[in-house]
């Protein structure tokens, strides 16, 4: 035990010594006379083969914007970095590397001279690791851009001294994992970009210290799973971009802590399943992008909390239907003029479960919803297309088969409600009541009389009794609706003759639906005499 403690103490001492050496190199001080003798970084001559800077002003301490290019190898203790002594008022500084330049560290000496710097961009370097004290003397920074630097590891508290930082961009690096103690002491950070890395794991509470973060971009990584703990602490987050990852499901309460989230981008993943509680807590969500995933269905409770969605993209999935009950929490939104809806390129079956979309096409005020529905295609089961939609035969018809194996494609808006087949009769609908439903046959049509001679017809027209009209008055408390489809009297009754039309006496109930296609029957108010 004592040997282990001695070993640990030795390692800690060694690490401290190495950090101290590095800090000493960064802080190697020149005398004021030596500093004054150096060239101005905005007007380099002898050092221009290594770095050249373009500034808005060349005079000492007048420049506020500097754009520097490094052409050659550099070292921590290069005098090159001391040339920034002549431009202490820089506000914006960009350091770019050309193909033949090299930079494997953060030039801390530059930051020690530019105490008023609020934007630093460091691009195309080869910084593999960021130490915990990399920005120890940069408390003035508000924006830090470290894109395309091949960064693989972020040390603990790597940004802890940046108390005024509001925007941090670590995109296009080689990060594979985020630990719990990286983003600490960043009380003002509002935007964090971790896109285009190789992140496959984010530890729970990795963002726990970012209570004021508004925007988080994690797109184009290798994340296979996110959970409730992944986003813990992001109580002010409004935009989350997870597109182009490897996510396969959204489980219960994944985003439950993101009560202020407005924009959630999940496109171009592999999502097959979203739990009924997968969007729980997203009471302020307005925009949901699920484009190009593998969704098989959308469960009825999915939008129970997310009732404010006004932008929904579910195109290019493998949905076989769209149940009205699944979208009922946002159905009023779909009728609003501000709604955006995209449902194209799915595997929708042409059946009565899509009948509500035909009604929505008429009811919505949104041109975007109308256009989306107009271009929506469904597939006819059994390969039967209504005769009126059949294309005229050609001498050599092309063999057309659906890649889905469920029949030919039909534009949904070309169909009528009664042309949508339904597998479930009314009695199988759990939420419907059919008490008081009766089927009555249409009155038999009067036969057309045969032509008679003119004289015979004149003599008998006054004496012939006209047939009594058939009483088709519905029973009290019910309304009569004609349906052009074949109906039967149900269990134990003989089936209706093919093509037979029936009168359906339906109890005046708001839950009444057609027993064949399942469509809700809207009954007009009866007129009182």
Foldseek 3Di string as FASTA:
>chain_A
DVVVVVVVVVVVVVVVVVVVVLVCLLPVDDDPVVLVPDAAQQDDDPCVQAKHKHFPDRAFQPTAEIEMEGQAEDDQNDCSLSNLLRHQNHAEYEYEYDPHYADQAQNVNNLQRNQQYAYYHYAQYQHQEQDLCRNVRHCNHQEYHDANHQHAYYYFNSPQSNQNHAEYAHEHHAYAEADQRRDANNARHAYYEHDNYAHAYYDFNNVQRHQRHAYYEHDPYAHADAAQRRCPNPQNYAEYAHDHYAYAEQDANRPQSPLNHAEYHHDHYAHAYYDLRSCHNPQNHAAYHHHQYAHAAQDLNNCVRVLNHQHYADANYAHQAHACSNCVSNLVSLQEQSHAYAHAHYAYAQALRCVVLLVSLVRHNHPNSVVRLQRHKYFYAPADDPPVPDDDDDPDDDDDDDPVRGYDIDRNNVDDLVVHWDPAFPVPPPVADQPPKFKAFDPDDDDDDDDDDPVVCVVCVVPDDDDDDDDPDADPQWDKDWDQAFAQGDPPGDGDDPRGTIIITGHPDQRDAHRTRRHGDDDDDDDDD
